[in-house]
């Protein structure tokens, strides 16, 4: 009986996704402004660190295309990129704002997208 195996990077991405889904990853960041907004680069760093803490794996490469506005219900999408170029979407949703502190949930997609084919 042949058992298909995922490439190492996809297994790693799947482990990240499962870890995030099982733990219910949430975090908060204090911005220091009355109208809080977390810059995209700081959001990416925070998400990467939280995913690493939650899963016990090395800090992943995360990119976020836009700043996170501190308003409950606001959602943005970030992307985790593995060493082989495969990607996993990550949703960030603001759950509440307390003064200058933004509280948000992080949820990785269930499946990864394969790396682009080499030419």
PDB file of N, CA and C in Angstrom:
ATOM      1  N   UNK A   1       0.841  -1.176   0.000  1.00  0.00           N
ATOM      2  CA  UNK A   1       0.000   0.000   0.000  1.00  0.00           C
ATOM      3  C   UNK A   1       0.883   1.235   0.000  1.00  0.00           C
ATOM      4  N   UNK A   2       0.667   2.125  -0.934  1.00  0.00           N
ATOM      5  CA  UNK A   2       1.449   3.346  -1.061  1.00  0.00           C
ATOM      6  C   UNK A   2       0.788   4.459  -0.256  1.00  0.00           C
ATOM      7  N   UNK A   3       1.558   5.094   0.628  1.00  0.00           N
ATOM      8  CA  UNK A   3       1.048   6.210   1.418  1.00  0.00           C
ATOM      9  C   UNK A   3       1.707   7.474   0.897  1.00  0.00           C
ATOM     10  N   UNK A   4       0.910   8.401   0.300  1.00  0.00           N
ATOM     11  CA  UNK A   4       1.503   9.625  -0.216  1.00  0.00           C
ATOM     12  C   UNK A   4       2.070  10.474   0.920  1.00  0.00           C
ATOM     13  N   UNK A   5       3.188  11.114   0.647  1.00  0.00           N
ATOM     14  CA  UNK A   5       3.813  11.985   1.641  1.00  0.00           C
ATOM     15  C   UNK A   5       3.852  13.403   1.111  1.00  0.00           C
ATOM     16  N   UNK A   6       3.606  14.338   2.003  1.00  0.00           N
ATOM     17  CA  UNK A   6       3.709  15.745   1.643  1.00  0.00           C
ATOM     18  C   UNK A   6       5.170  16.162   1.644  1.00  0.00           C
ATOM     19  N   UNK A   7       5.553  17.106   0.773  1.00  0.00           N
ATOM     20  CA  UNK A   7       6.911  17.643   0.860  1.00  0.00           C
ATOM     21  C   UNK A   7       7.142  18.204   2.267  1.00  0.00           C
ATOM     22  N   UNK A   8       8.381  18.217   2.704  1.00  0.00           N
ATOM     23  CA  UNK A   8       8.727  18.664   4.050  1.00  0.00           C
ATOM     24  C   UNK A   8       8.135  20.038   4.361  1.00  0.00           C
ATOM     25  N   UNK A   9       8.240  20.994   3.441  1.00  0.00           N
ATOM     26  CA  UNK A   9       7.731  22.346   3.707  1.00  0.00           C
ATOM     27  C   UNK A   9       6.221  22.333   3.897  1.00  0.00           C
ATOM     28  N   UNK A  10       5.500  21.542   3.112  1.00  0.00           N
ATOM     29  CA  UNK A  10       4.049  21.488   3.269  1.00  0.00           C
ATOM     30  C   UNK A  10       3.675  20.820   4.579  1.00  0.00           C
ATOM     31  N   UNK A  11       4.432  19.794   4.997  1.00  0.00           N
ATOM     32  CA  UNK A  11       4.173  19.198   6.302  1.00  0.00           C
ATOM     33  C   UNK A  11       4.369  20.247   7.380  1.00  0.00           C
ATOM     34  N   UNK A  12       5.411  21.076   7.229  1.00  0.00           N
ATOM     35  CA  UNK A  12       5.652  22.140   8.199  1.00  0.00           C
ATOM     36  C   UNK A  12       4.529  23.147   8.205  1.00  0.00           C
ATOM     37  N   UNK A  13       4.058  23.520   7.021  1.00  0.00           N
ATOM     38  CA  UNK A  13       2.952  24.467   6.947  1.00  0.00           C
ATOM     39  C   UNK A  13       1.701  23.863   7.553  1.00  0.00           C
ATOM     40  N   UNK A  14       1.454  22.605   7.265  1.00  0.00           N
ATOM     41  CA  UNK A  14       0.282  21.952   7.833  1.00  0.00           C
ATOM     42  C   UNK A  14       0.372  21.920   9.351  1.00  0.00           C
ATOM     43  N   UNK A  15       1.559  21.665   9.871  1.00  0.00           N
ATOM     44  CA  UNK A  15       1.733  21.648  11.318  1.00  0.00           C
ATOM     45  C   UNK A  15       1.462  23.024  11.909  1.00  0.00           C
ATOM     46  N   UNK A  16       1.906  24.072  11.228  1.00  0.00           N
ATOM     47  CA  UNK A  16       1.632  25.430  11.687  1.00  0.00           C
ATOM     48  C   UNK A  16       0.130  25.669  11.692  1.00  0.00           C
ATOM     49  N   UNK A  17      -0.546  25.306  10.603  1.00  0.00           N
ATOM     50  CA  UNK A  17      -1.986  25.526  10.511  1.00  0.00           C
ATOM     51  C   UNK A  17      -2.717  24.756  11.594  1.00  0.00           C
ATOM     52  N   UNK A  18      -2.377  23.492  11.781  1.00  0.00           N
ATOM     53  CA  UNK A  18      -3.036  22.695  12.799  1.00  0.00           C
ATOM     54  C   UNK A  18      -2.770  23.271  14.178  1.00  0.00           C
ATOM     55  N   UNK A  19      -1.538  23.656  14.444  1.00  0.00           N
ATOM     56  CA  UNK A  19      -1.211  24.244  15.742  1.00  0.00           C
ATOM     57  C   UNK A  19      -2.001  25.495  16.016  1.00  0.00           C
ATOM     58  N   UNK A  20      -2.133  26.340  15.024  1.00  0.00           N
ATOM     59  CA  UNK A  20      -2.878  27.590  15.186  1.00  0.00           C
ATOM     60  C   UNK A  20      -4.351  27.294  15.393  1.00  0.00           C
ATOM     61  N   UNK A  21      -4.896  26.369  14.624  1.00  0.00           N
ATOM     62  CA  UNK A  21      -6.309  26.049  14.741  1.00  0.00           C
ATOM     63  C   UNK A  21      -6.629  25.415  16.085  1.00  0.00           C
ATOM     64  N   UNK A  22      -5.757  24.552  16.585  1.00  0.00           N
ATOM     65  CA  UNK A  22      -6.019  23.879  17.840  1.00  0.00           C
ATOM     66  C   UNK A  22      -5.880  24.801  19.044  1.00  0.00           C
ATOM     67  N   UNK A  23      -4.955  25.739  18.980  1.00  0.00           N
ATOM     68  CA  UNK A  23      -4.699  26.594  20.120  1.00  0.00           C
ATOM     69  C   UNK A  23      -5.643  27.798  20.168  1.00  0.00           C
ATOM     70  N   UNK A  24      -6.162  28.251  19.042  1.00  0.00           N
ATOM     71  CA  UNK A  24      -7.006  29.435  19.038  1.00  0.00           C
ATOM     72  C   UNK A  24      -6.178  30.671  19.336  1.00  0.00           C
ATOM     73  N   UNK A  25      -5.227  30.899  18.522  1.00  0.00           N
ATOM     74  CA  UNK A  25      -4.206  31.922  18.693  1.00  0.00           C
ATOM     75  C   UNK A  25      -4.787  33.342  18.759  1.00  0.00           C
ATOM     76  N   UNK A  26      -4.535  34.031  19.846  1.00  0.00           N
ATOM     77  CA  UNK A  26      -4.943  35.422  20.008  1.00  0.00           C
ATOM     78  C   UNK A  26      -3.774  36.200  20.582  1.00  0.00           C
ATOM     79  N   UNK A  27      -3.729  37.470  20.296  1.00  0.00           N
ATOM     80  CA  UNK A  27      -2.667  38.308  20.846  1.00  0.00           C
ATOM     81  C   UNK A  27      -3.156  39.740  20.916  1.00  0.00           C
ATOM     82  N   UNK A  28      -2.347  40.600  21.490  1.00  0.00           N
ATOM     83  CA  UNK A  28      -2.671  42.024  21.535  1.00  0.00           C
ATOM     84  C   UNK A  28      -1.385  42.823  21.443  1.00  0.00           C
ATOM     85  N   UNK A  29      -1.534  44.043  20.950  1.00  0.00           N
ATOM     86  CA  UNK A  29      -0.391  44.936  20.778  1.00  0.00           C
ATOM     87  C   UNK A  29      -0.810  46.323  21.232  1.00  0.00           C
ATOM     88  N   UNK A  30       0.021  46.958  22.039  1.00  0.00           N
ATOM     89  CA  UNK A  30      -0.235  48.324  22.470  1.00  0.00           C
ATOM     90  C   UNK A  30       0.472  49.272  21.507  1.00  0.00           C
ATOM     91  N   UNK A  31      -0.275  50.202  20.935  1.00  0.00           N
ATOM     92  CA  UNK A  31       0.233  51.081  19.888  1.00  0.00           C
ATOM     93  C   UNK A  31       0.716  52.429  20.428  1.00  0.00           C
ATOM     94  N   UNK A  32       0.073  52.946  21.468  1.00  0.00           N
ATOM     95  CA  UNK A  32       0.476  54.220  22.035  1.00  0.00           C
ATOM     96  C   UNK A  32      -0.189  55.420  21.380  1.00  0.00           C
ATOM     97  N   UNK A  33      -1.303  55.193  20.671  1.00  0.00           N
ATOM     98  CA  UNK A  33      -2.048  56.286  20.047  1.00  0.00           C
ATOM     99  C   UNK A  33      -3.527  56.099  20.355  1.00  0.00           C
ATOM    100  N   UNK A  34      -4.255  57.199  20.366  1.00  0.00           N
ATOM    101  CA  UNK A  34      -5.698  57.143  20.635  1.00  0.00           C
ATOM    102  C   UNK A  34      -6.449  56.436  19.507  1.00  0.00           C
ATOM    103  N   UNK A  35      -6.009  56.604  18.253  1.00  0.00           N
ATOM    104  CA  UNK A  35      -6.630  55.956  17.101  1.00  0.00           C
ATOM    105  C   UNK A  35      -5.656  54.895  16.614  1.00  0.00           C
ATOM    106  N   UNK A  36      -5.643  53.719  17.272  1.00  0.00           N
ATOM    107  CA  UNK A  36      -4.584  52.735  17.009  1.00  0.00           C
ATOM    108  C   UNK A  36      -4.637  52.119  15.612  1.00  0.00           C
ATOM    109  N   UNK A  37      -3.454  51.946  15.068  1.00  0.00           N
ATOM    110  CA  UNK A  37      -3.267  51.259  13.794  1.00  0.00           C
ATOM    111  C   UNK A  37      -1.897  50.615  13.853  1.00  0.00           C
ATOM    112  N   UNK A  38      -1.838  49.315  13.568  1.00  0.00           N
ATOM    113  CA  UNK A  38      -0.580  48.582  13.621  1.00  0.00           C
ATOM    114  C   UNK A  38       0.009  48.508  12.221  1.00  0.00           C
ATOM    115  N   UNK A  39       1.208  49.099  12.003  1.00  0.00           N
ATOM    116  CA  UNK A  39       1.829  49.048  10.677  1.00  0.00           C
ATOM    117  C   UNK A  39       2.025  47.610  10.196  1.00  0.00           C
ATOM    118  N   UNK A  40       1.932  47.411   8.893  1.00  0.00           N
ATOM    119  CA  UNK A  40       2.000  46.080   8.283  1.00  0.00           C
ATOM    120  C   UNK A  40       3.255  45.306   8.691  1.00  0.00           C
ATOM    121  N   UNK A  41       4.420  45.967   8.737  1.00  0.00           N
ATOM    122  CA  UNK A  41       5.646  45.257   9.089  1.00  0.00           C
ATOM    123  C   UNK A  41       5.632  44.796  10.544  1.00  0.00           C
ATOM    124  N   UNK A  42       5.077  45.610  11.443  1.00  0.00           N
ATOM    125  CA  UNK A  42       4.970  45.215  12.846  1.00  0.00           C
ATOM    126  C   UNK A  42       3.932  44.106  13.019  1.00  0.00           C
ATOM    127  N   UNK A  43       2.855  44.169  12.242  1.00  0.00           N
ATOM    128  CA  UNK A  43       1.846  43.120  12.273  1.00  0.00           C
ATOM    129  C   UNK A  43       2.470  41.791  11.846  1.00  0.00           C
ATOM    130  N   UNK A  44       3.236  41.808  10.755  1.00  0.00           N
ATOM    131  CA  UNK A  44       3.884  40.589  10.260  1.00  0.00           C
ATOM    132  C   UNK A  44       4.815  39.995  11.320  1.00  0.00           C
ATOM    133  N   UNK A  45       5.593  40.833  11.976  1.00  0.00           N
ATOM    134  CA  UNK A  45       6.506  40.376  13.020  1.00  0.00           C
ATOM    135  C   UNK A  45       5.736  39.772  14.181  1.00  0.00           C
ATOM    136  N   UNK A  46       4.671  40.447  14.613  1.00  0.00           N
ATOM    137  CA  UNK A  46       3.856  39.969  15.727  1.00  0.00           C
ATOM    138  C   UNK A  46       3.205  38.635  15.396  1.00  0.00           C
ATOM    139  N   UNK A  47       2.638  38.507  14.201  1.00  0.00           N
ATOM    140  CA  UNK A  47       1.992  37.260  13.775  1.00  0.00           C
ATOM    141  C   UNK A  47       3.023  36.141  13.723  1.00  0.00           C
ATOM    142  N   UNK A  48       4.190  36.393  13.142  1.00  0.00           N
ATOM    143  CA  UNK A  48       5.241  35.372  13.042  1.00  0.00           C
ATOM    144  C   UNK A  48       5.678  34.900  14.425  1.00  0.00           C
ATOM    145  N   UNK A  49       5.892  35.832  15.335  1.00  0.00           N
ATOM    146  CA  UNK A  49       6.318  35.476  16.685  1.00  0.00           C
ATOM    147  C   UNK A  49       5.242  34.677  17.417  1.00  0.00           C
ATOM    148  N   UNK A  50       3.987  35.081  17.264  1.00  0.00           N
ATOM    149  CA  UNK A  50       2.888  34.377  17.928  1.00  0.00           C
ATOM    150  C   UNK A  50       2.732  32.957  17.367  1.00  0.00           C
ATOM    151  N   UNK A  51       2.847  32.813  16.040  1.00  0.00           N
ATOM    152  CA  UNK A  51       2.762  31.480  15.442  1.00  0.00           C
ATOM    153  C   UNK A  51       3.897  30.592  15.937  1.00  0.00           C
ATOM    154  N   UNK A  52       5.103  31.143  16.022  1.00  0.00           N
ATOM    155  CA  UNK A  52       6.245  30.372  16.518  1.00  0.00           C
ATOM    156  C   UNK A  52       6.025  29.959  17.973  1.00  0.00           C
ATOM    157  N   UNK A  53       5.549  30.878  18.803  1.00  0.00           N
ATOM    158  CA  UNK A  53       5.278  30.564  20.209  1.00  0.00           C
ATOM    159  C   UNK A  53       4.199  29.497  20.344  1.00  0.00           C
ATOM    160  N   UNK A  54       3.160  29.614  19.531  1.00  0.00           N
ATOM    161  CA  UNK A  54       2.018  28.706  19.614  1.00  0.00           C
ATOM    162  C   UNK A  54       2.362  27.306  19.146  1.00  0.00           C
ATOM    163  N   UNK A  55       3.146  27.205  18.078  1.00  0.00           N
ATOM    164  CA  UNK A  55       3.434  25.895  17.481  1.00  0.00           C
ATOM    165  C   UNK A  55       4.736  25.277  17.967  1.00  0.00           C
ATOM    166  N   UNK A  56       5.607  26.081  18.594  1.00  0.00           N
ATOM    167  CA  UNK A  56       6.900  25.567  19.019  1.00  0.00           C
ATOM    168  C   UNK A  56       7.858  25.359  17.860  1.00  0.00           C
ATOM    169  N   UNK A  57       7.553  25.951  16.725  1.00  0.00           N
ATOM    170  CA  UNK A  57       8.390  25.818  15.525  1.00  0.00           C
ATOM    171  C   UNK A  57       9.163  27.126  15.327  1.00  0.00           C
ATOM    172  N   UNK A  58      10.161  27.138  14.436  1.00  0.00           N
ATOM    173  CA  UNK A  58      10.904  28.377  14.168  1.00  0.00           C
ATOM    174  C   UNK A  58       9.969  29.488  13.653  1.00  0.00           C
ATOM    175  N   UNK A  59      10.384  30.719  13.846  1.00  0.00           N
ATOM    176  CA  UNK A  59       9.597  31.867  13.402  1.00  0.00           C
ATOM    177  C   UNK A  59       9.452  31.829  11.883  1.00  0.00           C
ATOM    178  N   UNK A  60       8.205  31.797  11.385  1.00  0.00           N
ATOM    179  CA  UNK A  60       7.990  31.714   9.934  1.00  0.00           C
ATOM    180  C   UNK A  60       8.158  33.064   9.248  1.00  0.00           C
ATOM    181  N   UNK A  61       8.296  33.011   7.929  1.00  0.00           N
ATOM    182  CA  UNK A  61       8.367  34.220   7.104  1.00  0.00           C
ATOM    183  C   UNK A  61       6.928  34.652   6.810  1.00  0.00           C
ATOM    184  N   UNK A  62       6.516  35.769   7.395  1.00  0.00           N
ATOM    185  CA  UNK A  62       5.156  36.295   7.232  1.00  0.00           C
ATOM    186  C   UNK A  62       5.230  37.659   6.574  1.00  0.00           C
ATOM    187  N   UNK A  63       4.316  37.910   5.643  1.00  0.00           N
ATOM    188  CA  UNK A  63       4.186  39.259   5.075  1.00  0.00           C
ATOM    189  C   UNK A  63       2.715  39.662   5.163  1.00  0.00           C
ATOM    190  N   UNK A  64       2.502  40.924   5.475  1.00  0.00           N
ATOM    191  CA  UNK A  64       1.148  41.475   5.569  1.00  0.00           C
ATOM    192  C   UNK A  64       1.103  42.701   4.646  1.00  0.00           C
ATOM    193  N   UNK A  65       0.129  42.761   3.747  1.00  0.00           N
ATOM    194  CA  UNK A  65       0.106  43.814   2.737  1.00  0.00           C
ATOM    195  C   UNK A  65      -0.399  45.171   3.218  1.00  0.00           C
ATOM    196  N   UNK A  66      -1.054  45.198   4.384  1.00  0.00           N
ATOM    197  CA  UNK A  66      -1.628  46.468   4.838  1.00  0.00           C
ATOM    198  C   UNK A  66      -1.578  46.580   6.353  1.00  0.00           C
ATOM    199  N   UNK A  67      -1.681  47.824   6.824  1.00  0.00           N
ATOM    200  CA  UNK A  67      -1.733  48.084   8.253  1.00  0.00           C
ATOM    201  C   UNK A  67      -3.034  47.514   8.817  1.00  0.00           C
ATOM    202  N   UNK A  68      -3.025  47.208  10.109  1.00  0.00           N
ATOM    203  CA  UNK A  68      -4.222  46.701  10.779  1.00  0.00           C
ATOM    204  C   UNK A  68      -4.856  47.839  11.560  1.00  0.00           C
ATOM    205  N   UNK A  69      -6.041  48.243  11.122  1.00  0.00           N
ATOM    206  CA  UNK A  69      -6.767  49.331  11.777  1.00  0.00           C
ATOM    207  C   UNK A  69      -7.397  48.820  13.058  1.00  0.00           C
ATOM    208  N   UNK A  70      -7.242  49.576  14.123  1.00  0.00           N
ATOM    209  CA  UNK A  70      -7.759  49.188  15.431  1.00  0.00           C
ATOM    210  C   UNK A  70      -9.244  49.435  15.571  1.00  0.00           C
ATOM    211  N   UNK A  71     -10.031  48.612  14.914  1.00  0.00           N
ATOM    212  CA  UNK A  71     -11.488  48.683  15.024  1.00  0.00           C
ATOM    213  C   UNK A  71     -12.009  47.251  15.050  1.00  0.00           C
ATOM    214  N   UNK A  72     -12.805  46.916  16.066  1.00  0.00           N
ATOM    215  CA  UNK A  72     -13.328  45.561  16.204  1.00  0.00           C
ATOM    216  C   UNK A  72     -13.993  45.112  14.903  1.00  0.00           C
ATOM    217  N   UNK A  73     -13.669  43.892  14.490  1.00  0.00           N
ATOM    218  CA  UNK A  73     -14.226  43.329  13.271  1.00  0.00           C
ATOM    219  C   UNK A  73     -13.354  43.522  12.042  1.00  0.00           C
ATOM    220  N   UNK A  74     -12.371  44.410  12.108  1.00  0.00           N
ATOM    221  CA  UNK A  74     -11.471  44.629  10.982  1.00  0.00           C
ATOM    222  C   UNK A  74     -10.658  43.356  10.737  1.00  0.00           C
ATOM    223  N   UNK A  75     -10.550  42.968   9.478  1.00  0.00           N
ATOM    224  CA  UNK A  75      -9.803  41.764   9.102  1.00  0.00           C
ATOM    225  C   UNK A  75      -8.799  42.097   8.008  1.00  0.00           C
ATOM    226  N   UNK A  76      -7.644  41.477   8.082  1.00  0.00           N
ATOM    227  CA  UNK A  76      -6.660  41.567   7.013  1.00  0.00           C
ATOM    228  C   UNK A  76      -6.091  40.173   6.782  1.00  0.00           C
ATOM    229  N   UNK A  77      -5.478  39.988   5.635  1.00  0.00           N
ATOM    230  CA  UNK A  77      -4.867  38.707   5.282  1.00  0.00           C
ATOM    231  C   UNK A  77      -3.357  38.873   5.194  1.00  0.00           C
ATOM    232  N   UNK A  78      -2.656  37.969   5.821  1.00  0.00           N
ATOM    233  CA  UNK A  78      -1.205  37.906   5.716  1.00  0.00           C
ATOM    234  C   UNK A  78      -0.868  36.589   5.026  1.00  0.00           C
ATOM    235  N   UNK A  79       0.420  36.412   4.711  1.00  0.00           N
ATOM    236  CA  UNK A  79       0.835  35.209   4.007  1.00  0.00           C
ATOM    237  C   UNK A  79       2.110  34.660   4.624  1.00  0.00           C
ATOM    238  N   UNK A  80       2.092  33.370   4.920  1.00  0.00           N
ATOM    239  CA  UNK A  80       3.257  32.660   5.409  1.00  0.00           C
ATOM    240  C   UNK A  80       3.901  31.983   4.197  1.00  0.00           C
ATOM    241  N   UNK A  81       5.203  32.205   4.017  1.00  0.00           N
ATOM    242  CA  UNK A  81       5.920  31.598   2.893  1.00  0.00           C
ATOM    243  C   UNK A  81       6.978  30.641   3.424  1.00  0.00           C
ATOM    244  N   UNK A  82       6.922  29.396   2.954  1.00  0.00           N
ATOM    245  CA  UNK A  82       7.887  28.371   3.352  1.00  0.00           C
ATOM    246  C   UNK A  82       9.153  28.499   2.512  1.00  0.00           C
ATOM    247  N   UNK A  83      10.201  27.805   2.926  1.00  0.00           N
ATOM    248  CA  UNK A  83      11.485  27.862   2.219  1.00  0.00           C
ATOM    249  C   UNK A  83      11.368  27.411   0.767  1.00  0.00           C
ATOM    250  N   UNK A  84      10.432  26.493   0.468  1.00  0.00           N
ATOM    251  CA  UNK A  84      10.288  26.007  -0.908  1.00  0.00           C
ATOM    252  C   UNK A  84       9.381  26.895  -1.757  1.00  0.00           C
ATOM    253  N   UNK A  85       8.867  27.975  -1.171  1.00  0.00           N
ATOM    254  CA  UNK A  85       8.022  28.905  -1.911  1.00  0.00           C
ATOM    255  C   UNK A  85       6.539  28.641  -1.775  1.00  0.00           C
ATOM    256  N   UNK A  86       6.146  27.533  -1.133  1.00  0.00           N
ATOM    257  CA  UNK A  86       4.725  27.294  -0.906  1.00  0.00           C
ATOM    258  C   UNK A  86       4.222  28.322   0.121  1.00  0.00           C
ATOM    259  N   UNK A  87       2.923  28.601   0.079  1.00  0.00           N
ATOM    260  CA  UNK A  87       2.371  29.651   0.932  1.00  0.00           C
ATOM    261  C   UNK A  87       1.141  29.155   1.691  1.00  0.00           C
ATOM    262  N   UNK A  88       0.861  29.841   2.780  1.00  0.00           N
ATOM    263  CA  UNK A  88      -0.307  29.567   3.590  1.00  0.00           C
ATOM    264  C   UNK A  88      -0.898  30.908   3.997  1.00  0.00           C
ATOM    265  N   UNK A  89      -2.182  31.097   3.726  1.00  0.00           N
ATOM    266  CA  UNK A  89      -2.854  32.333   4.113  1.00  0.00           C
ATOM    267  C   UNK A  89      -3.109  32.361   5.611  1.00  0.00           C
ATOM    268  N   UNK A  90      -3.047  33.562   6.175  1.00  0.00           N
ATOM    269  CA  UNK A  90      -3.292  33.754   7.602  1.00  0.00           C
ATOM    270  C   UNK A  90      -4.238  34.944   7.748  1.00  0.00           C
ATOM    271  N   UNK A  91      -5.375  34.725   8.406  1.00  0.00           N
ATOM    272  CA  UNK A  91      -6.339  35.804   8.647  1.00  0.00           C
ATOM    273  C   UNK A  91      -6.085  36.409  10.022  1.00  0.00           C
ATOM    274  N   UNK A  92      -6.140  37.733  10.084  1.00  0.00           N
ATOM    275  CA  UNK A  92      -5.982  38.456  11.336  1.00  0.00           C
ATOM    276  C   UNK A  92      -7.257  39.282  11.515  1.00  0.00           C
ATOM    277  N   UNK A  93      -7.951  39.073  12.638  1.00  0.00           N
ATOM    278  CA  UNK A  93      -9.212  39.762  12.889  1.00  0.00           C
ATOM    279  C   UNK A  93      -9.153  40.471  14.237  1.00  0.00           C
ATOM    280  N   UNK A  94      -9.437  41.769  14.228  1.00  0.00           N
ATOM    281  CA  UNK A  94      -9.461  42.551  15.463  1.00  0.00           C
ATOM    282  C   UNK A  94     -10.687  42.131  16.268  1.00  0.00           C
ATOM    283  N   UNK A  95     -10.450  41.705  17.519  1.00  0.00           N
ATOM    284  CA  UNK A  95     -11.548  41.288  18.384  1.00  0.00           C
ATOM    285  C   UNK A  95     -12.038  42.427  19.270  1.00  0.00           C
ATOM    286  N   UNK A  96     -11.118  43.299  19.676  1.00  0.00           N
ATOM    287  CA  UNK A  96     -11.492  44.448  20.497  1.00  0.00           C
ATOM    288  C   UNK A  96     -10.338  45.439  20.534  1.00  0.00           C
ATOM    289  N   UNK A  97     -10.669  46.649  20.959  1.00  0.00           N
ATOM    290  CA  UNK A  97      -9.663  47.698  21.134  1.00  0.00           C
ATOM    291  C   UNK A  97      -9.896  48.303  22.514  1.00  0.00           C
ATOM    292  N   UNK A  98      -8.828  48.363  23.289  1.00  0.00           N
ATOM    293  CA  UNK A  98      -8.894  48.933  24.635  1.00  0.00           C
ATOM    294  C   UNK A  98      -7.909  50.092  24.699  1.00  0.00           C
ATOM    295  N   UNK A  99      -8.393  51.306  24.490  1.00  0.00           N
ATOM    296  CA  UNK A  99      -7.508  52.471  24.447  1.00  0.00           C
ATOM    297  C   UNK A  99      -6.580  52.363  23.260  1.00  0.00           C
ATOM    298  N   UNK A 100      -5.261  52.212  23.531  1.00  0.00           N
ATOM    299  CA  UNK A 100      -4.277  52.090  22.448  1.00  0.00           C
ATOM    300  C   UNK A 100      -3.866  50.637  22.206  1.00  0.00           C
ATOM    301  N   UNK A 101      -4.598  49.687  22.787  1.00  0.00           N
ATOM    302  CA  UNK A 101      -4.268  48.264  22.683  1.00  0.00           C
ATOM    303  C   UNK A 101      -5.238  47.568  21.721  1.00  0.00           C
ATOM    304  N   UNK A 102      -4.664  46.932  20.676  1.00  0.00           N
ATOM    305  CA  UNK A 102      -5.456  46.182  19.699  1.00  0.00           C
ATOM    306  C   UNK A 102      -5.360  44.703  20.044  1.00  0.00           C
ATOM    307  N   UNK A 103      -6.505  44.062  20.272  1.00  0.00           N
ATOM    308  CA  UNK A 103      -6.565  42.623  20.520  1.00  0.00           C
ATOM    309  C   UNK A 103      -7.039  41.960  19.234  1.00  0.00           C
ATOM    310  N   UNK A 104      -6.343  40.895  18.817  1.00  0.00           N
ATOM    311  CA  UNK A 104      -6.757  40.246  17.577  1.00  0.00           C
ATOM    312  C   UNK A 104      -6.500  38.749  17.603  1.00  0.00           C
ATOM    313  N   UNK A 105      -7.276  38.029  16.775  1.00  0.00           N
ATOM    314  CA  UNK A 105      -7.129  36.595  16.591  1.00  0.00           C
ATOM    315  C   UNK A 105      -6.356  36.340  15.308  1.00  0.00           C
ATOM    316  N   UNK A 106      -5.637  35.237  15.300  1.00  0.00           N
ATOM    317  CA  UNK A 106      -4.857  34.806  14.140  1.00  0.00           C
ATOM    318  C   UNK A 106      -5.323  33.406  13.769  1.00  0.00           C
ATOM    319  N   UNK A 107      -5.676  33.199  12.504  1.00  0.00           N
ATOM    320  CA  UNK A 107      -6.115  31.876  12.059  1.00  0.00           C
ATOM    321  C   UNK A 107      -5.484  31.564  10.705  1.00  0.00           C
ATOM    322  N   UNK A 108      -4.733  30.476  10.674  1.00  0.00           N
ATOM    323  CA  UNK A 108      -4.120  30.029   9.424  1.00  0.00           C
ATOM    324  C   UNK A 108      -5.141  29.240   8.608  1.00  0.00           C
ATOM    325  N   UNK A 109      -5.018  29.309   7.274  1.00  0.00           N
ATOM    326  CA  UNK A 109      -5.879  28.539   6.393  1.00  0.00           C
ATOM    327  C   UNK A 109      -5.653  27.050   6.626  1.00  0.00           C
ATOM    328  N   UNK A 110      -6.612  26.246   6.211  1.00  0.00           N
ATOM    329  CA  UNK A 110      -6.510  24.791   6.376  1.00  0.00           C
ATOM    330  C   UNK A 110      -5.507  24.151   5.426  1.00  0.00           C
ATOM    331  N   UNK A 111      -5.328  24.740   4.237  1.00  0.00           N
ATOM    332  CA  UNK A 111      -4.431  24.142   3.250  1.00  0.00           C
ATOM    333  C   UNK A 111      -3.454  25.171   2.701  1.00  0.00           C
ATOM    334  N   UNK A 112      -2.297  24.689   2.300  1.00  0.00           N
ATOM    335  CA  UNK A 112      -1.261  25.539   1.721  1.00  0.00           C
ATOM    336  C   UNK A 112      -1.380  25.537   0.202  1.00  0.00           C
ATOM    337  N   UNK A 113      -0.849  26.590  -0.413  1.00  0.00           N
ATOM    338  CA  UNK A 113      -0.746  26.642  -1.876  1.00  0.00           C
ATOM    339  C   UNK A 113       0.651  26.204  -2.257  1.00  0.00           C
ATOM    340  N   UNK A 114       0.779  25.356  -3.263  1.00  0.00           N
ATOM    341  CA  UNK A 114       2.111  24.875  -3.654  1.00  0.00           C
ATOM    342  C   UNK A 114       2.990  26.004  -4.176  1.00  0.00           C
ATOM    343  N   UNK A 115       4.273  25.764  -4.155  1.00  0.00           N
ATOM    344  CA  UNK A 115       5.234  26.718  -4.704  1.00  0.00           C
ATOM    345  C   UNK A 115       5.001  26.873  -6.191  1.00  0.00           C
ATOM    346  N   UNK A 116       5.278  28.068  -6.739  1.00  0.00           N
ATOM    347  CA  UNK A 116       5.168  28.245  -8.185  1.00  0.00           C
ATOM    348  C   UNK A 116       6.107  27.281  -8.916  1.00  0.00           C
ATOM    349  N   UNK A 117       5.662  26.786 -10.035  1.00  0.00           N
ATOM    350  CA  UNK A 117       6.477  25.865 -10.837  1.00  0.00           C
ATOM    351  C   UNK A 117       7.693  26.590 -11.390  1.00  0.00           C
ATOM    352  N   UNK A 118       8.829  25.909 -11.350  1.00  0.00           N
ATOM    353  CA  UNK A 118      10.053  26.487 -11.918  1.00  0.00           C
ATOM    354  C   UNK A 118       9.975  26.434 -13.442  1.00  0.00           C
ATOM    355  N   UNK A 119      10.522  27.462 -14.079  1.00  0.00           N
ATOM    356  CA  UNK A 119      10.513  27.512 -15.542  1.00  0.00           C
ATOM    357  C   UNK A 119      11.631  26.699 -16.128  1.00  0.00           C
TER     358      UNK A 119
END
